[in-house]
């Protein structure tokens, strides 16, 4: 665990340091981080415009699971007001109940429990929303 913290600190320092002194690895890490932020911003804007999961994935030419990762992050930050465009209210309740029943935030465990009733994308988005509500004491 200590090694992971050291690596994370190194990467953060590398991304934030002066670009004239950056190694090729540091420059690559900075570009990757900037790319993630740009993509997340785009997904956020498309969400605000009312686009659904498949529409966003199609517009960005990426898999739906990739879009769901960004939507989960946005939901966790409270930037998606209503996730029912992505997951029906009934499924939201079923997924939330399963997270509580299993006492786990592990997507694979929830997916295995629910089998084909919910997709990985739906579970991921609900998990982000649930984490936001728990932090806000809304749940």
C-alpha atoms as a PDB file:
ATOM      1  CA  UNK A   1       0.000   0.000   0.000  1.00  0.00           C
ATOM      2  CA  UNK A   2       2.826   2.396   0.857  1.00  0.00           C
ATOM      3  CA  UNK A   3       4.316   1.812  -2.584  1.00  0.00           C
ATOM      4  CA  UNK A   4       0.991   2.752  -4.232  1.00  0.00           C
ATOM      5  CA  UNK A   5       0.928   6.007  -2.274  1.00  0.00           C
ATOM      6  CA  UNK A   6       4.498   6.749  -3.346  1.00  0.00           C
ATOM      7  CA  UNK A   7       3.664   6.046  -6.993  1.00  0.00           C
ATOM      8  CA  UNK A   8       0.546   8.216  -6.804  1.00  0.00           C
ATOM      9  CA  UNK A   9       2.510  11.064  -5.227  1.00  0.00           C
ATOM     10  CA  UNK A  10       5.184  10.728  -7.917  1.00  0.00           C
ATOM     11  CA  UNK A  11       2.605  10.867 -10.698  1.00  0.00           C
ATOM     12  CA  UNK A  12       0.822  13.876  -9.188  1.00  0.00           C
ATOM     13  CA  UNK A  13       4.111  15.680  -8.786  1.00  0.00           C
ATOM     14  CA  UNK A  14       5.049  14.727 -12.340  1.00  0.00           C
ATOM     15  CA  UNK A  15       1.785  16.034 -13.770  1.00  0.00           C
ATOM     16  CA  UNK A  16       2.018  19.324 -11.888  1.00  0.00           C
ATOM     17  CA  UNK A  17       5.699  20.108 -12.385  1.00  0.00           C
ATOM     18  CA  UNK A  18       7.174  22.623 -14.844  1.00  0.00           C
ATOM     19  CA  UNK A  19       6.816  21.240 -18.387  1.00  0.00           C
ATOM     20  CA  UNK A  20      10.309  22.372 -19.419  1.00  0.00           C
ATOM     21  CA  UNK A  21      11.759  20.051 -16.771  1.00  0.00           C
ATOM     22  CA  UNK A  22       9.415  17.118 -17.373  1.00  0.00           C
ATOM     23  CA  UNK A  23      10.607  13.740 -18.539  1.00  0.00           C
ATOM     24  CA  UNK A  24       8.792  12.091 -21.472  1.00  0.00           C
ATOM     25  CA  UNK A  25       6.847   9.952 -18.954  1.00  0.00           C
ATOM     26  CA  UNK A  26       5.760  13.039 -17.034  1.00  0.00           C
ATOM     27  CA  UNK A  27       4.620  14.769 -20.225  1.00  0.00           C
ATOM     28  CA  UNK A  28       2.669  11.676 -21.275  1.00  0.00           C
ATOM     29  CA  UNK A  29       0.961  11.450 -17.859  1.00  0.00           C
ATOM     30  CA  UNK A  30      -0.034  15.111 -18.082  1.00  0.00           C
ATOM     31  CA  UNK A  31      -1.534  14.626 -21.568  1.00  0.00           C
ATOM     32  CA  UNK A  32      -3.446  11.573 -20.367  1.00  0.00           C
ATOM     33  CA  UNK A  33      -4.880  13.465 -17.387  1.00  0.00           C
ATOM     34  CA  UNK A  34      -5.858  16.416 -19.575  1.00  0.00           C
ATOM     35  CA  UNK A  35      -7.530  14.035 -22.038  1.00  0.00           C
ATOM     36  CA  UNK A  36      -9.591  12.456 -19.273  1.00  0.00           C
ATOM     37  CA  UNK A  37     -10.800  15.840 -18.087  1.00  0.00           C
ATOM     38  CA  UNK A  38     -11.740  16.912 -21.596  1.00  0.00           C
ATOM     39  CA  UNK A  39     -13.682  13.687 -22.191  1.00  0.00           C
ATOM     40  CA  UNK A  40     -15.459  13.967 -18.837  1.00  0.00           C
ATOM     41  CA  UNK A  41     -16.416  17.549 -19.659  1.00  0.00           C
ATOM     42  CA  UNK A  42     -17.794  16.454 -23.025  1.00  0.00           C
ATOM     43  CA  UNK A  43     -19.811  13.639 -21.433  1.00  0.00           C
ATOM     44  CA  UNK A  44     -21.132  16.134 -18.867  1.00  0.00           C
ATOM     45  CA  UNK A  45     -22.225  18.545 -21.627  1.00  0.00           C
ATOM     46  CA  UNK A  46     -23.904  15.759 -23.601  1.00  0.00           C
ATOM     47  CA  UNK A  47     -25.683  14.621 -20.426  1.00  0.00           C
ATOM     48  CA  UNK A  48     -26.922  18.174 -19.815  1.00  0.00           C
ATOM     49  CA  UNK A  49     -28.229  18.233 -23.402  1.00  0.00           C
ATOM     50  CA  UNK A  50     -30.351  15.199 -22.541  1.00  0.00           C
ATOM     51  CA  UNK A  51     -28.495  12.523 -24.469  1.00  0.00           C
ATOM     52  CA  UNK A  52     -28.720   8.937 -23.262  1.00  0.00           C
ATOM     53  CA  UNK A  53     -25.949   6.439 -22.657  1.00  0.00           C
ATOM     54  CA  UNK A  54     -26.010   4.923 -26.144  1.00  0.00           C
ATOM     55  CA  UNK A  55     -26.291   8.319 -27.831  1.00  0.00           C
ATOM     56  CA  UNK A  56     -23.250   9.628 -25.959  1.00  0.00           C
ATOM     57  CA  UNK A  57     -21.264   6.483 -26.740  1.00  0.00           C
ATOM     58  CA  UNK A  58     -22.179   6.770 -30.406  1.00  0.00           C
ATOM     59  CA  UNK A  59     -21.348  10.484 -30.555  1.00  0.00           C
ATOM     60  CA  UNK A  60     -17.912   9.892 -29.006  1.00  0.00           C
ATOM     61  CA  UNK A  61     -17.324   6.578 -30.826  1.00  0.00           C
ATOM     62  CA  UNK A  62     -16.490   4.812 -27.556  1.00  0.00           C
ATOM     63  CA  UNK A  63     -17.983   1.760 -25.806  1.00  0.00           C
ATOM     64  CA  UNK A  64     -20.946   2.316 -23.485  1.00  0.00           C
ATOM     65  CA  UNK A  65     -18.891   1.020 -20.549  1.00  0.00           C
ATOM     66  CA  UNK A  66     -16.443   3.900 -21.091  1.00  0.00           C
ATOM     67  CA  UNK A  67     -19.274   6.421 -21.020  1.00  0.00           C
ATOM     68  CA  UNK A  68     -20.684   4.761 -17.896  1.00  0.00           C
ATOM     69  CA  UNK A  69     -17.344   5.266 -16.135  1.00  0.00           C
ATOM     70  CA  UNK A  70     -17.545   9.009 -16.804  1.00  0.00           C
ATOM     71  CA  UNK A  71     -21.233   9.105 -15.856  1.00  0.00           C
ATOM     72  CA  UNK A  72     -20.430   7.315 -12.599  1.00  0.00           C
ATOM     73  CA  UNK A  73     -17.806   9.965 -11.789  1.00  0.00           C
ATOM     74  CA  UNK A  74     -20.257  12.747 -12.605  1.00  0.00           C
ATOM     75  CA  UNK A  75     -22.981  11.107 -10.511  1.00  0.00           C
ATOM     76  CA  UNK A  76     -20.548  10.693  -7.603  1.00  0.00           C
ATOM     77  CA  UNK A  77     -19.869  14.439  -7.759  1.00  0.00           C
ATOM     78  CA  UNK A  78     -23.594  15.233  -7.869  1.00  0.00           C
ATOM     79  CA  UNK A  79     -23.426  16.631 -11.399  1.00  0.00           C
ATOM     80  CA  UNK A  80     -26.230  14.438 -12.729  1.00  0.00           C
ATOM     81  CA  UNK A  81     -29.526  15.605 -11.295  1.00  0.00           C
ATOM     82  CA  UNK A  82     -31.581  12.629 -12.386  1.00  0.00           C
ATOM     83  CA  UNK A  83     -30.075   9.293 -13.405  1.00  0.00           C
ATOM     84  CA  UNK A  84     -33.459   7.891 -14.468  1.00  0.00           C
ATOM     85  CA  UNK A  85     -32.549   8.689 -18.082  1.00  0.00           C
ATOM     86  CA  UNK A  86     -29.928   5.951 -17.739  1.00  0.00           C
ATOM     87  CA  UNK A  87     -31.531   3.603 -15.184  1.00  0.00           C
ATOM     88  CA  UNK A  88     -35.236   3.221 -14.450  1.00  0.00           C
ATOM     89  CA  UNK A  89     -36.375   4.097 -10.939  1.00  0.00           C
ATOM     90  CA  UNK A  90     -37.299   0.454 -10.306  1.00  0.00           C
ATOM     91  CA  UNK A  91     -33.847  -0.767 -11.337  1.00  0.00           C
ATOM     92  CA  UNK A  92     -32.186   1.966  -9.280  1.00  0.00           C
ATOM     93  CA  UNK A  93     -33.963   0.700  -6.183  1.00  0.00           C
ATOM     94  CA  UNK A  94     -33.104  -2.932  -6.962  1.00  0.00           C
ATOM     95  CA  UNK A  95     -29.422  -2.098  -7.511  1.00  0.00           C
ATOM     96  CA  UNK A  96     -29.206   0.129  -4.412  1.00  0.00           C
ATOM     97  CA  UNK A  97     -30.855  -2.598  -2.314  1.00  0.00           C
ATOM     98  CA  UNK A  98     -28.357  -5.130  -3.657  1.00  0.00           C
ATOM     99  CA  UNK A  99     -25.379  -2.923  -2.762  1.00  0.00           C
ATOM    100  CA  UNK A 100     -26.767  -2.695   0.778  1.00  0.00           C
ATOM    101  CA  UNK A 101     -27.615  -6.392   1.018  1.00  0.00           C
ATOM    102  CA  UNK A 102     -24.147  -7.442  -0.107  1.00  0.00           C
ATOM    103  CA  UNK A 103     -22.533  -4.661   1.950  1.00  0.00           C
ATOM    104  CA  UNK A 104     -20.181  -4.101  -0.936  1.00  0.00           C
ATOM    105  CA  UNK A 105     -19.512  -1.490  -3.595  1.00  0.00           C
ATOM    106  CA  UNK A 106     -17.996  -4.124  -5.881  1.00  0.00           C
ATOM    107  CA  UNK A 107     -19.697  -3.994  -9.276  1.00  0.00           C
ATOM    108  CA  UNK A 108     -18.888  -7.605 -10.160  1.00  0.00           C
ATOM    109  CA  UNK A 109     -20.466  -8.913  -6.933  1.00  0.00           C
ATOM    110  CA  UNK A 110     -23.633  -6.906  -7.579  1.00  0.00           C
ATOM    111  CA  UNK A 111     -23.731  -7.997 -11.232  1.00  0.00           C
ATOM    112  CA  UNK A 112     -23.292 -11.664 -10.243  1.00  0.00           C
ATOM    113  CA  UNK A 113     -26.111 -11.342  -7.726  1.00  0.00           C
ATOM    114  CA  UNK A 114     -28.487  -9.597 -10.140  1.00  0.00           C
ATOM    115  CA  UNK A 115     -27.426 -11.732 -13.130  1.00  0.00           C
ATOM    116  CA  UNK A 116     -29.040 -10.384 -16.297  1.00  0.00           C
ATOM    117  CA  UNK A 117     -31.481  -8.036 -14.552  1.00  0.00           C
ATOM    118  CA  UNK A 118     -29.077  -5.076 -14.777  1.00  0.00           C
ATOM    119  CA  UNK A 119     -26.140  -4.133 -16.959  1.00  0.00           C
ATOM    120  CA  UNK A 120     -22.670  -3.216 -15.755  1.00  0.00           C
ATOM    121  CA  UNK A 121     -23.316   0.306 -17.032  1.00  0.00           C
ATOM    122  CA  UNK A 122     -26.520   0.644 -14.985  1.00  0.00           C
ATOM    123  CA  UNK A 123     -24.838  -0.724 -11.864  1.00  0.00           C
ATOM    124  CA  UNK A 124     -21.894   1.643 -12.292  1.00  0.00           C
ATOM    125  CA  UNK A 125     -24.108   4.739 -12.675  1.00  0.00           C
ATOM    126  CA  UNK A 126     -26.269   3.791  -9.682  1.00  0.00           C
ATOM    127  CA  UNK A 127     -23.146   3.184  -7.587  1.00  0.00           C
ATOM    128  CA  UNK A 128     -21.895   6.706  -8.340  1.00  0.00           C
ATOM    129  CA  UNK A 129     -25.281   8.194  -7.478  1.00  0.00           C
ATOM    130  CA  UNK A 130     -25.517   6.128  -4.286  1.00  0.00           C
ATOM    131  CA  UNK A 131     -22.054   7.260  -3.194  1.00  0.00           C
ATOM    132  CA  UNK A 132     -23.083  10.885  -3.752  1.00  0.00           C
ATOM    133  CA  UNK A 133     -26.294  10.446  -1.744  1.00  0.00           C
ATOM    134  CA  UNK A 134     -24.417   8.741   1.082  1.00  0.00           C
ATOM    135  CA  UNK A 135     -21.911  11.611   1.260  1.00  0.00           C
ATOM    136  CA  UNK A 136     -24.785  14.105   1.341  1.00  0.00           C
ATOM    137  CA  UNK A 137     -26.676  12.010   3.921  1.00  0.00           C
ATOM    138  CA  UNK A 138     -29.565  11.740   1.493  1.00  0.00           C
ATOM    139  CA  UNK A 139     -29.868   8.010   1.843  1.00  0.00           C
END
